[in-house]
Amino acid sequence: MPTGASIAINSLKREGVNVVFGIPGGAMIIFYDELRDSGIRHVLMRHEQGAAHAADGYARASGKPGVCIATSGPGATNLVTGIATAYLDSSPIIALTGQVPTKVIGSDAFQETDIVGIVNPIVKYSFQLKTASEIPIVFKKAFYIATHGRPGPVLIDFPKDVQQEEIKEVSFPDEVYISGRCVYVPEPDPFLVKKAAEMIIRSEKPLMLCGGGVIHSNASEEVMLFVENLKIPVVTTLMGKGVIPEDHPLCLGMIGMHGRMEANEAVSEADLIIAVGTRFSDRSTGVPSEFAKQAKIIHIDIDESEIDKNIKVDLPILSDAKKALRMLYGAIIRLSRKYEKLRWIDRIRKLKQRYKQCYEEGEGGLKPWRILKILREKLPKNSIITTGVGQNQMWVALHFKVLKPRTLITSGGLGTMGFGFPAAIGAKVACPDKHVVCIDGDGSFLMTCQNLGTVMAQNIPVIVIIFNNRAFGMVRQWQDLFFKRRFIAVDLGQTPDFVKLAEAFGAEGFRVGSYDEFEEAIKKALSLDVCTIIDVPIHPDEKVFPIVPPGKPLKEAIMG
């Protein structure tokens, strides 16, 4: 007779799951015994947080939900940071956790934690299984919730006795019905869409602001309709990078605290902002009361809770970005056959030209902007970049031109150090034919570097470029700029030697001292079928500019 564990495996396979990321333990050993002969690939991570990040990277690269697995107690709690990362960036993952037997839940049994209670604020939904018979419907619901409406993580807590339970008959549902705002996607309101079209036609300086919701919705083609045919310039949030090719004349890049000067200035000058799939986070807007205060704002979003939450808008359209943009474009074409904003387009061109050189300055030592420029030249357009968090992330945001959607994977909302390397593992597993490069800082990489064991054991040939300043660089920068250089707890010292660390795991390692050496190292790494670490020494005083000081509007950015 089928057991709960075998039914769960069958449920995963029915959802198209062919790979999972995890670490076994006593409370999941029955499940793992079934997993052994299932045909589902198991990627053994070296820490559960890495399993969640890998599932997240898999989901963002593929557009399909990623699955991570941990045992009860510390295994489950180690997933929490990765689950929160996925939640704040709307990434669909399924977290499957072991649990003590149902009869001892609440007794403080060995390795028992109330993981359902712990994660409730950072998941779309959480389930705790009570019987084997409910497994098919719970798994079906979990995948549906994770992928419908605004995507996000779902947790399934799996008690050990439920894994072991045998039942005579199993029925797998083909569909599930779930009500509620978390999965509801309303059709765009035609009246509001027409009103938005009229606002766009009347505007003199319209600007489109694209967030991660555009990428989740696979709406890049619709954005390009606006850019190519209506000549509306585009700025993005960090999560929206890649919505359109960033080398396009009408793409100004990322806005916000470390946004490009031309992008922030365009926001301050626009008379209409068409915001799509963005939540107006504080890192994007600066002081909310000062954000685009001269502009009318149209906000298209799938999540009703985001409307008017951070920024008061003039016209909300509650809908999936792809549907709303296509309908809006059609409405504009019907209302106006001639649509030209030539003076605004000329202003955008001048803004880009004005700031073009200011990012490529400085002498002495290796400069991140130039390293990233060389990297862009050497990588195919569809290569996937992941990042850690810190200066490395913002240097990528400013200087690396993302040319296709789903080719930049980074932790935006939670800002999770250590995210980049395990996310690269997940992305490479999802897209084995693409080059995957993690751009990290030494501080961020050290938080999850134990997964070098994973990439070598599983033959996952990712490339890691470490901007190595022997410091927690972003914190050091803040202490330098805003705390009178009173440095504390940011010096990481001279260990480890990252080349020797790579070699200790059997990976390739290079340390570069010039741009020519970096170029050669990249060429070599791209030709190898093994994980490669490239150590790029960066002076600790190297800073990320522009920066908007805390409590200041975007227009008061410091260029350095």
Protein backbone atom coordinates (compact mmCIF):
# COMPACT_ATOMS: atom_id res chain seq x y z
CA MET A 1 0.00 0.00 0.00
CA PRO A 2 1.20 3.54 -0.72
CA THR A 3 2.63 5.46 2.20
CA GLY A 4 2.41 9.16 2.90
CA ALA A 5 5.99 9.56 1.71
CA SER A 6 5.35 7.79 -1.60
CA ILE A 7 2.17 9.80 -2.14
CA ALA A 8 4.13 13.02 -1.57
CA ILE A 9 6.76 11.94 -4.11
CA ASN A 10 4.01 11.15 -6.59
CA SER A 11 2.43 14.53 -5.94
CA LEU A 12 5.72 16.31 -6.67
CA LYS A 13 6.14 14.39 -9.92
CA ARG A 14 2.59 15.25 -10.98
CA GLU A 15 3.53 18.93 -10.55
CA GLY A 16 6.45 18.47 -12.93
CA VAL A 17 9.13 18.54 -10.24
CA ASN A 18 12.34 16.84 -11.39
CA VAL A 19 14.82 18.36 -8.95
CA VAL A 20 14.78 19.33 -5.26
CA PHE A 21 17.36 20.99 -3.01
CA GLY A 22 17.77 19.87 0.57
CA ILE A 23 19.43 18.15 3.50
CA PRO A 24 17.99 15.00 5.14
CA GLY A 25 17.45 14.33 8.83
CA GLY A 26 15.63 12.02 11.18
CA ALA A 27 12.20 13.57 10.69
CA MET A 28 12.48 13.26 6.89
CA ILE A 29 14.30 9.96 6.59
CA ILE A 30 11.18 8.06 5.49
CA PHE A 31 10.53 10.62 2.75
CA TYR A 32 14.17 10.42 1.63
CA ASP A 33 13.97 6.64 1.44
CA GLU A 34 11.16 7.01 -1.11
CA LEU A 35 13.00 9.82 -2.88
CA ARG A 36 15.98 7.53 -3.55
CA ASP A 37 14.24 5.55 -6.29
CA SER A 38 11.88 8.28 -7.51
CA GLY A 39 13.86 9.62 -10.47
CA ILE A 40 13.76 13.11 -8.94
CA ARG A 41 17.22 14.63 -8.71
CA HIS A 42 18.29 15.62 -5.21
CA VAL A 43 20.89 18.39 -4.87
CA LEU A 44 22.50 17.96 -1.46
CA MET A 45 23.30 21.42 -0.12
CA ARG A 46 25.67 22.10 2.76
CA HIS A 47 23.25 24.24 4.78
CA GLU A 48 19.48 24.49 4.66
CA GLN A 49 19.54 28.24 4.04
CA GLY A 50 21.43 27.45 0.85
CA ALA A 51 18.71 24.94 -0.09
CA ALA A 52 16.04 27.65 0.09
CA HIS A 53 18.20 30.09 -1.90
CA ALA A 54 18.94 27.42 -4.51
CA ALA A 55 15.22 26.68 -4.89
CA ASP A 56 14.66 30.42 -5.20
CA GLY A 57 17.36 30.78 -7.88
CA TYR A 58 15.84 27.84 -9.72
CA ALA A 59 12.40 29.48 -9.62
CA ARG A 60 13.58 32.88 -10.82
CA ALA A 61 15.66 31.46 -13.65
CA SER A 62 13.04 28.98 -14.88
CA GLY A 63 9.74 30.63 -13.97
CA LYS A 64 8.71 27.35 -12.31
CA PRO A 65 8.45 26.75 -8.56
CA GLY A 66 11.58 25.53 -6.80
CA VAL A 67 11.42 22.94 -4.02
CA CYS A 68 13.59 22.84 -0.88
CA ILE A 69 13.57 20.22 1.86
CA ALA A 70 14.74 20.20 5.47
CA THR A 71 14.25 18.09 8.55
CA SER A 72 12.45 19.28 11.67
CA GLY A 73 13.78 21.70 14.28
CA PRO A 74 17.05 23.37 13.25
CA GLY A 75 16.70 22.10 9.70
CA ALA A 76 13.38 23.85 9.33
CA THR A 77 14.48 27.04 11.08
CA ASN A 78 17.57 27.23 8.88
CA LEU A 79 15.21 27.61 5.91
CA VAL A 80 13.60 30.72 7.36
CA THR A 81 15.96 33.34 5.91
CA GLY A 82 15.63 31.79 2.46
CA ILE A 83 11.84 31.65 2.74
CA ALA A 84 11.73 35.31 3.79
CA THR A 85 13.99 36.22 0.87
CA ALA A 86 11.62 34.51 -1.55
CA TYR A 87 8.57 36.11 0.08
CA LEU A 88 9.82 39.67 -0.20
CA ASP A 89 10.84 39.15 -3.84
CA SER A 90 7.66 37.24 -4.78
CA SER A 91 9.45 34.05 -5.77
CA PRO A 92 7.46 30.79 -5.92
CA ILE A 93 9.11 28.13 -3.78
CA ILE A 94 7.74 25.11 -1.91
CA ALA A 95 9.42 24.46 1.42
CA LEU A 96 8.89 20.90 2.67
CA THR A 97 9.84 20.38 6.31
CA GLY A 98 9.93 17.28 8.47
CA GLN A 99 8.08 17.31 11.77
CA VAL A 100 7.91 15.11 14.86
CA PRO A 101 5.03 12.59 14.97
CA THR A 102 1.59 14.17 15.38
CA LYS A 103 0.99 12.54 18.76
CA VAL A 104 3.96 14.35 20.33
CA ILE A 105 3.54 17.76 18.67
CA GLY A 106 3.45 20.32 21.45
CA SER A 107 5.45 18.21 23.91
CA ASP A 108 8.84 19.80 23.14
CA ALA A 109 9.98 16.56 21.54
CA PHE A 110 13.51 16.26 20.19
CA GLN A 111 14.02 18.67 17.28
CA GLU A 112 10.47 19.99 17.46
CA THR A 113 9.71 23.57 16.47
CA ASP A 114 6.45 25.22 15.48
CA ILE A 115 7.72 25.99 12.00
CA VAL A 116 4.19 26.79 10.78
CA GLY A 117 3.88 29.50 13.41
CA ILE A 118 7.40 30.78 12.74
CA VAL A 119 6.95 31.25 8.99
CA ASN A 120 3.34 32.46 8.86
CA PRO A 121 4.34 36.13 8.35
CA ILE A 122 6.70 35.23 5.46
CA VAL A 123 4.72 32.74 3.38
CA LYS A 124 1.63 32.98 1.22
CA TYR A 125 0.26 29.96 3.05
CA SER A 126 1.44 27.12 5.28
CA PHE A 127 0.09 23.60 5.75
CA GLN A 128 0.69 20.99 8.40
CA LEU A 129 -0.31 17.52 7.24
CA LYS A 130 -2.43 15.44 9.60
CA THR A 131 -3.15 12.34 7.52
CA ALA A 132 -1.74 10.69 4.42
CA SER A 133 -5.08 10.93 2.63
CA GLU A 134 -4.90 14.74 2.47
CA ILE A 135 -1.44 14.84 0.87
CA PRO A 136 -2.58 14.97 -2.81
CA ILE A 137 -4.93 17.92 -2.25
CA VAL A 138 -2.48 19.79 0.00
CA PHE A 139 0.38 19.50 -2.50
CA LYS A 140 -1.89 20.56 -5.35
CA LYS A 141 -3.06 23.58 -3.38
CA ALA A 142 0.49 24.47 -2.35
CA PHE A 143 1.75 24.65 -5.93
CA TYR A 144 -1.35 26.52 -7.04
CA ILE A 145 -1.02 29.14 -4.30
CA ALA A 146 2.71 29.57 -4.91
CA THR A 147 2.25 30.31 -8.61
CA HIS A 148 -1.11 32.08 -8.91
CA GLY A 149 -1.73 35.72 -8.15
CA ARG A 150 1.40 37.35 -6.79
CA PRO A 151 3.91 34.46 -6.57
CA GLY A 152 5.48 33.49 -3.27
CA PRO A 153 6.60 30.70 -0.95
CA VAL A 154 4.37 28.02 0.57
CA LEU A 155 5.38 25.69 3.39
CA ILE A 156 4.24 22.09 3.91
CA ASP A 157 5.06 20.63 7.34
CA PHE A 158 5.23 16.83 7.14
CA PRO A 159 5.04 14.85 10.43
CA LYS A 160 7.03 11.64 10.50
CA ASP A 161 4.07 9.37 11.25
CA VAL A 162 2.13 10.85 8.30
CA GLN A 163 5.06 9.96 6.04
CA GLN A 164 4.85 6.38 7.31
CA GLU A 165 1.06 6.02 7.25
CA GLU A 166 -0.34 3.56 4.71
CA ILE A 167 -3.67 4.00 2.94
CA LYS A 168 -5.50 1.74 0.52
CA GLU A 169 -6.76 4.23 -2.08
CA VAL A 170 -5.23 7.46 -3.33
CA SER A 171 -7.02 10.05 -5.44
CA PHE A 172 -4.99 12.82 -7.08
CA PRO A 173 -7.01 15.91 -8.06
CA ASP A 174 -6.47 17.47 -11.48
CA GLU A 175 -7.66 20.86 -10.29
CA VAL A 176 -8.26 22.69 -7.03
CA TYR A 177 -10.49 25.61 -6.22
CA ILE A 178 -9.04 28.23 -3.90
CA SER A 179 -10.69 31.54 -3.16
CA GLY A 180 -9.05 34.63 -1.72
CA ARG A 181 -6.96 37.60 -2.75
CA CYS A 182 -3.71 35.63 -2.64
CA VAL A 183 -4.55 33.82 -5.90
CA TYR A 184 -7.15 36.13 -7.47
CA VAL A 185 -6.16 37.92 -10.68
CA PRO A 186 -8.86 40.33 -11.81
CA GLU A 187 -9.22 41.35 -15.43
CA PRO A 188 -8.17 44.95 -16.11
CA ASP A 189 -11.09 47.37 -15.73
CA PRO A 190 -11.73 48.73 -19.29
CA PHE A 191 -12.92 52.08 -17.92
CA LEU A 192 -9.75 52.58 -15.88
CA VAL A 193 -7.58 51.40 -18.76
CA LYS A 194 -9.19 53.97 -21.09
CA LYS A 195 -8.72 56.67 -18.48
CA ALA A 196 -5.06 55.70 -18.14
CA ALA A 197 -4.65 55.84 -21.91
CA GLU A 198 -6.10 59.36 -21.94
CA MET A 199 -3.67 60.41 -19.20
CA ILE A 200 -0.72 59.06 -21.18
CA ILE A 201 -1.83 60.82 -24.38
CA ARG A 202 -2.25 64.15 -22.55
CA SER A 203 1.11 63.91 -20.77
CA GLU A 204 4.19 65.68 -22.08
CA LYS A 205 6.84 63.73 -20.16
CA PRO A 206 5.61 60.16 -19.50
CA LEU A 207 7.95 57.64 -17.88
CA MET A 208 7.43 53.93 -17.30
CA LEU A 209 8.69 52.46 -14.02
CA CYS A 210 8.99 48.67 -14.17
CA GLY A 211 9.46 46.37 -11.17
CA GLY A 212 9.88 42.66 -10.63
CA GLY A 213 6.18 42.04 -11.28
CA VAL A 214 6.76 42.69 -14.97
CA ILE A 215 9.31 39.87 -15.08
CA HIS A 216 7.12 37.50 -13.02
CA SER A 217 4.31 38.22 -15.49
CA ASN A 218 6.55 37.62 -18.52
CA ALA A 219 5.46 41.04 -19.77
CA SER A 220 8.74 42.28 -21.27
CA GLU A 221 7.29 42.02 -24.78
CA GLU A 222 4.43 44.30 -23.75
CA VAL A 223 6.83 46.85 -22.26
CA MET A 224 8.73 46.87 -25.55
CA LEU A 225 5.49 47.76 -27.37
CA PHE A 226 5.39 50.98 -25.37
CA VAL A 227 9.10 51.67 -25.78
CA GLU A 228 9.42 50.93 -29.48
CA ASN A 229 6.09 52.20 -30.77
CA LEU A 230 5.14 54.96 -28.33
CA LYS A 231 8.70 56.05 -27.49
CA ILE A 232 8.06 56.05 -23.74
CA PRO A 233 11.33 55.87 -21.76
CA VAL A 234 11.77 53.29 -19.02
CA VAL A 235 13.38 53.21 -15.59
CA THR A 236 13.39 50.14 -13.38
CA THR A 237 13.69 49.04 -9.80
CA LEU A 238 16.49 46.62 -8.90
CA MET A 239 14.09 43.71 -9.39
CA GLY A 240 12.99 45.06 -12.77
CA LYS A 241 16.44 45.07 -14.36
CA GLY A 242 16.28 43.16 -17.63
CA VAL A 243 12.66 44.05 -18.41
CA ILE A 244 14.08 45.66 -21.54
CA PRO A 245 17.69 45.51 -22.76
CA GLU A 246 19.61 48.04 -20.71
CA ASP A 247 21.60 49.13 -23.74
CA HIS A 248 18.37 50.43 -25.33
CA PRO A 249 18.42 54.22 -25.96
CA LEU A 250 15.19 54.68 -23.97
CA CYS A 251 16.28 52.66 -20.93
CA LEU A 252 17.74 54.85 -18.19
CA GLY A 253 18.49 52.05 -15.73
CA MET A 254 17.71 51.65 -12.06
CA ILE A 255 16.25 54.32 -9.80
CA GLY A 256 16.61 54.69 -6.05
CA MET A 257 19.19 55.04 -3.30
CA HIS A 258 21.95 53.77 -5.58
CA GLY A 259 20.09 54.46 -8.81
CA ARG A 260 21.66 56.02 -11.86
CA MET A 261 21.63 59.82 -11.86
CA GLU A 262 19.82 60.05 -15.20
CA ALA A 263 17.11 57.66 -13.97
CA ASN A 264 16.48 59.54 -10.73
CA GLU A 265 16.50 62.86 -12.57
CA ALA A 266 13.99 61.59 -15.12
CA VAL A 267 11.67 60.56 -12.27
CA SER A 268 11.95 64.07 -10.83
CA GLU A 269 11.12 65.68 -14.19
CA ALA A 270 8.36 63.37 -15.49
CA ASP A 271 4.76 64.58 -15.42
CA LEU A 272 3.35 61.03 -15.54
CA ILE A 273 4.71 57.81 -14.03
CA ILE A 274 3.32 54.52 -15.35
CA ALA A 275 4.40 52.18 -12.53
CA VAL A 276 4.05 48.49 -13.34
CA GLY A 277 4.64 45.57 -10.99
CA THR A 278 6.43 47.57 -8.33
CA ARG A 279 5.70 48.13 -4.66
CA PHE A 280 7.44 51.54 -4.37
CA SER A 281 9.94 50.32 -1.78
CA ASP A 282 11.87 52.85 0.26
CA ARG A 283 15.08 51.92 -1.56
CA SER A 284 13.42 52.96 -4.83
CA THR A 285 11.56 56.10 -3.76
CA GLY A 286 13.73 57.79 -1.17
CA VAL A 287 11.51 60.09 0.91
CA PRO A 288 7.98 59.03 -0.16
CA SER A 289 6.50 62.54 0.10
CA GLU A 290 9.15 63.82 -2.31
CA PHE A 291 8.93 61.01 -4.85
CA ALA A 292 7.81 62.25 -8.29
CA LYS A 293 5.73 64.91 -6.54
CA GLN A 294 5.13 66.79 -9.80
CA ALA A 295 3.81 63.69 -11.60
CA LYS A 296 0.51 61.90 -11.87
CA ILE A 297 0.96 58.19 -11.11
CA ILE A 298 -0.75 55.21 -12.75
CA HIS A 299 -0.09 52.03 -10.77
CA ILE A 300 -0.60 48.61 -12.36
CA ASP A 301 -0.21 45.75 -9.90
CA ILE A 302 -1.56 42.28 -9.24
CA ASP A 303 -1.64 42.76 -5.46
CA GLU A 304 -4.36 45.04 -4.12
CA SER A 305 -2.48 45.50 -0.83
CA GLU A 306 0.28 47.38 -2.66
CA ILE A 307 -2.06 50.05 -4.01
CA ASP A 308 -1.59 53.30 -2.04
CA LYS A 309 0.51 51.46 0.56
CA ASN A 310 3.72 53.43 0.16
CA ILE A 311 2.86 56.03 -2.50
CA LYS A 312 -0.55 57.60 -3.09
CA VAL A 313 -1.42 57.07 -6.73
CA ASP A 314 -3.84 58.83 -9.07
CA LEU A 315 -5.11 55.81 -11.00
CA PRO A 316 -4.78 52.17 -9.87
CA ILE A 317 -5.30 49.24 -12.23
CA LEU A 318 -5.53 45.95 -10.36
CA SER A 319 -4.42 43.24 -12.75
CA ASP A 320 -1.66 41.05 -14.09
CA ALA A 321 0.94 43.28 -15.76
CA LYS A 322 0.91 41.44 -19.08
CA LYS A 323 -2.86 41.69 -19.55
CA ALA A 324 -3.07 45.29 -18.38
CA LEU A 325 -0.20 46.54 -20.55
CA ARG A 326 -1.56 44.87 -23.66
CA MET A 327 -5.02 46.34 -23.09
CA LEU A 328 -3.55 49.77 -22.29
CA TYR A 329 -1.43 49.79 -25.43
CA GLY A 330 -4.47 48.94 -27.54
CA ALA A 331 -6.48 51.72 -25.92
CA ILE A 332 -3.77 54.30 -26.66
CA ILE A 333 -3.56 53.25 -30.31
CA ARG A 334 -7.34 53.48 -30.68
CA LEU A 335 -7.48 56.93 -29.13
CA SER A 336 -4.49 58.49 -30.85
CA ARG A 337 -2.87 57.51 -34.13
CA LYS A 338 -0.18 60.15 -33.68
CA TYR A 339 1.79 59.84 -30.48
CA GLU A 340 5.07 61.75 -30.28
CA LYS A 341 6.89 63.33 -27.34
CA LEU A 342 9.94 64.52 -29.24
CA ARG A 343 11.08 67.15 -26.74
CA TRP A 344 10.92 64.61 -23.91
CA ILE A 345 12.82 62.00 -25.89
CA ASP A 346 15.49 64.59 -26.67
CA ARG A 347 15.70 65.41 -22.95
CA ILE A 348 16.16 61.73 -22.11
CA ARG A 349 18.97 61.47 -24.66
CA LYS A 350 20.69 64.52 -23.15
CA LEU A 351 20.35 63.15 -19.61
CA LYS A 352 22.01 59.89 -20.63
CA GLN A 353 24.78 61.75 -22.43
CA ARG A 354 25.32 64.14 -19.52
CA TYR A 355 26.02 61.37 -17.01
CA LYS A 356 27.64 58.88 -19.37
CA GLN A 357 31.22 59.56 -18.28
CA CYS A 358 30.67 60.14 -14.58
CA TYR A 359 30.45 56.42 -13.79
CA GLU A 360 33.75 55.57 -15.46
CA GLU A 361 36.24 57.54 -13.41
CA GLY A 362 38.98 56.96 -10.89
CA GLU A 363 42.56 55.78 -10.92
CA GLY A 364 44.55 53.27 -8.91
CA GLY A 365 43.62 49.63 -8.43
CA LEU A 366 40.96 47.56 -10.15
CA LYS A 367 37.65 49.38 -10.62
CA PRO A 368 34.40 47.39 -10.36
CA TRP A 369 32.78 49.31 -13.23
CA ARG A 370 35.52 48.30 -15.62
CA ILE A 371 35.58 44.69 -14.44
CA LEU A 372 31.83 44.50 -15.08
CA LYS A 373 32.20 46.13 -18.48
CA ILE A 374 34.74 43.48 -19.50
CA LEU A 375 32.47 40.76 -18.12
CA ARG A 376 29.49 42.02 -20.15
CA GLU A 377 31.60 41.96 -23.32
CA LYS A 378 32.68 38.36 -22.73
CA LEU A 379 29.37 36.83 -21.64
CA PRO A 380 26.63 35.72 -24.03
CA LYS A 381 23.47 37.84 -23.73
CA ASN A 382 21.46 35.06 -22.13
CA SER A 383 24.00 34.34 -19.37
CA ILE A 384 22.58 34.51 -15.85
CA ILE A 385 24.08 36.76 -13.19
CA THR A 386 23.39 36.27 -9.50
CA THR A 387 24.70 38.55 -6.78
CA GLY A 388 25.34 38.64 -3.10
CA VAL A 389 24.32 41.72 -1.14
CA GLY A 390 26.43 44.77 -0.41
CA GLN A 391 28.61 46.91 -2.64
CA ASN A 392 28.95 44.02 -5.11
CA GLN A 393 25.19 44.05 -5.69
CA MET A 394 24.98 47.79 -6.26
CA TRP A 395 28.00 47.83 -8.58
CA VAL A 396 26.19 45.24 -10.68
CA ALA A 397 22.96 47.26 -10.53
CA LEU A 398 24.76 50.36 -11.75
CA HIS A 399 27.30 49.04 -14.22
CA PHE A 400 26.27 45.64 -15.59
CA LYS A 401 23.81 45.93 -18.46
CA VAL A 402 21.19 43.22 -18.19
CA LEU A 403 19.91 42.40 -21.66
CA LYS A 404 17.19 39.79 -21.08
CA PRO A 405 14.58 39.10 -18.39
CA ARG A 406 15.34 36.43 -15.78
CA THR A 407 19.09 36.88 -16.28
CA LEU A 408 19.69 38.90 -13.09
CA ILE A 409 18.87 37.10 -9.83
CA THR A 410 19.42 39.08 -6.64
CA SER A 411 17.91 39.56 -3.19
CA GLY A 412 16.02 42.84 -3.27
CA GLY A 413 13.50 43.12 -0.47
CA LEU A 414 15.36 41.31 2.31
CA GLY A 415 18.89 42.12 1.14
CA THR A 416 20.22 38.70 2.11
CA MET A 417 23.99 38.36 2.24
CA GLY A 418 25.07 34.92 1.09
CA PHE A 419 22.22 34.67 -1.42
CA GLY A 420 24.26 34.82 -4.62
CA PHE A 421 26.22 31.55 -4.58
CA PRO A 422 23.41 29.09 -3.72
CA ALA A 423 21.04 31.03 -6.02
CA ALA A 424 23.58 30.50 -8.81
CA ILE A 425 23.51 26.77 -8.07
CA GLY A 426 19.73 26.72 -8.46
CA ALA A 427 19.87 28.82 -11.63
CA LYS A 428 22.49 26.55 -13.21
CA VAL A 429 20.45 23.46 -12.39
CA ALA A 430 17.42 25.13 -14.00
CA CYS A 431 19.37 26.31 -17.06
CA PRO A 432 22.34 23.96 -17.54
CA ASP A 433 23.04 25.26 -21.06
CA LYS A 434 23.57 28.85 -19.91
CA HIS A 435 26.62 30.35 -18.25
CA VAL A 436 25.82 31.30 -14.64
CA VAL A 437 28.05 33.82 -12.88
CA CYS A 438 27.75 34.82 -9.23
CA ILE A 439 29.18 38.29 -8.54
CA ASP A 440 29.81 38.48 -4.83
CA GLY A 441 31.67 40.28 -2.11
CA ASP A 442 34.10 38.48 0.16
CA GLY A 443 31.83 39.05 3.17
CA SER A 444 28.73 37.80 1.39
CA PHE A 445 30.45 34.80 -0.21
CA LEU A 446 31.86 33.62 3.12
CA MET A 447 28.33 33.21 4.48
CA THR A 448 27.47 30.37 2.08
CA CYS A 449 30.83 29.31 0.62
CA GLN A 450 30.46 25.81 2.12
CA ASN A 451 28.33 25.03 -0.91
CA LEU A 452 31.55 24.66 -2.88
CA GLY A 453 31.11 21.10 -1.66
CA THR A 454 27.77 20.94 -3.45
CA VAL A 455 28.97 22.26 -6.82
CA MET A 456 31.93 19.88 -6.87
CA ALA A 457 30.01 16.79 -5.76
CA GLN A 458 27.14 17.52 -8.16
CA ASN A 459 29.22 18.89 -11.06
CA ILE A 460 27.49 22.27 -11.21
CA PRO A 461 30.01 24.51 -13.01
CA VAL A 462 29.13 28.02 -11.89
CA ILE A 463 31.60 30.92 -11.95
CA VAL A 464 32.08 33.10 -8.86
CA ILE A 465 33.69 36.54 -9.14
CA ILE A 466 34.59 37.95 -5.72
CA PHE A 467 35.07 41.69 -5.30
CA ASN A 468 37.49 41.24 -2.43
CA ASN A 469 38.06 44.30 -0.25
CA ARG A 470 38.59 42.31 2.98
CA ALA A 471 35.67 44.13 4.56
CA PHE A 472 31.93 44.37 4.89
CA GLY A 473 32.18 47.07 2.25
CA MET A 474 28.74 48.66 2.32
CA VAL A 475 28.72 49.03 6.10
CA ARG A 476 32.26 50.42 5.91
CA GLN A 477 31.12 52.93 3.27
CA TRP A 478 28.33 54.17 5.54
CA GLN A 479 30.69 54.46 8.48
CA ASP A 480 33.05 56.41 6.24
CA LEU A 481 30.46 58.81 4.77
CA PHE A 482 28.00 59.28 7.63
CA PHE A 483 29.85 58.30 10.85
CA LYS A 484 33.13 60.23 10.50
CA ARG A 485 35.16 57.13 9.52
CA ARG A 486 34.58 55.54 12.93
CA PHE A 487 35.10 52.02 11.62
CA ILE A 488 34.00 49.10 13.75
CA ALA A 489 33.30 45.41 13.04
CA VAL A 490 33.88 45.67 9.27
CA ASP A 491 37.46 44.43 8.82
CA LEU A 492 37.50 40.79 7.66
CA GLY A 493 41.28 40.38 7.75
CA GLN A 494 43.45 38.56 5.24
CA THR A 495 41.89 35.11 5.42
CA PRO A 496 40.92 33.04 3.64
CA ASP A 497 42.97 32.78 0.47
CA PHE A 498 40.07 32.28 -1.96
CA VAL A 499 42.24 30.56 -4.57
CA LYS A 500 43.40 28.00 -2.01
CA LEU A 501 39.83 27.65 -0.72
CA ALA A 502 38.65 26.82 -4.25
CA GLU A 503 41.48 24.34 -4.71
CA ALA A 504 40.73 22.69 -1.36
CA PHE A 505 37.31 21.73 -2.73
CA GLY A 506 38.74 20.72 -6.12
CA ALA A 507 37.51 23.85 -7.91
CA GLU A 508 39.57 26.19 -10.06
CA GLY A 509 40.83 29.43 -8.55
CA PHE A 510 42.39 32.57 -10.05
CA ARG A 511 43.57 35.80 -8.49
CA VAL A 512 43.87 38.72 -10.89
CA GLY A 513 45.97 41.85 -10.62
CA SER A 514 45.12 43.59 -13.88
CA TYR A 515 42.27 43.95 -16.36
CA ASP A 516 44.14 41.77 -18.86
CA GLU A 517 44.47 39.04 -16.23
CA PHE A 518 40.76 39.30 -15.45
CA GLU A 519 39.89 38.98 -19.12
CA GLU A 520 42.05 35.88 -19.41
CA ALA A 521 40.55 34.42 -16.24
CA ILE A 522 37.02 34.90 -17.58
CA LYS A 523 37.89 33.29 -20.90
CA LYS A 524 39.38 30.33 -19.04
CA ALA A 525 36.43 30.00 -16.66
CA LEU A 526 33.95 30.02 -19.54
CA SER A 527 35.86 27.20 -21.23
CA LEU A 528 36.01 24.98 -18.16
CA ASP A 529 33.38 22.50 -17.02
CA VAL A 530 34.09 23.03 -13.31
CA CYS A 531 33.26 25.64 -10.69
CA THR A 532 35.70 28.54 -10.90
CA ILE A 533 36.49 31.27 -8.36
CA ILE A 534 38.01 34.55 -9.58
CA ASP A 535 39.41 36.70 -6.77
CA VAL A 536 39.39 40.40 -7.74
CA PRO A 537 41.18 42.59 -5.16
CA ILE A 538 39.35 45.89 -4.58
CA HIS A 539 40.62 48.74 -2.41
CA PRO A 540 38.51 49.01 0.79
CA ASP A 541 37.95 52.73 0.14
CA GLU A 542 36.29 51.99 -3.22
CA LYS A 543 32.69 53.19 -2.90
CA VAL A 544 29.32 52.81 -4.58
CA PHE A 545 28.14 56.07 -6.11
CA PRO A 546 25.63 57.59 -6.59
CA ILE A 547 24.14 57.31 -3.12
CA VAL A 548 21.10 59.11 -1.74
CA PRO A 549 21.85 59.93 1.93
CA PRO A 550 19.33 58.57 4.44
CA GLY A 551 16.27 60.80 4.82
CA LYS A 552 16.91 62.64 1.54
CA PRO A 553 14.92 62.70 -1.73
CA LEU A 554 16.27 61.13 -4.92
CA LYS A 555 17.27 64.50 -6.35
CA GLU A 556 19.86 64.95 -3.58
CA ALA A 557 22.01 61.99 -4.59
CA ILE A 558 25.76 62.24 -3.96
CA MET A 559 27.94 61.43 -6.94
CA GLY A 560 31.18 61.07 -4.99
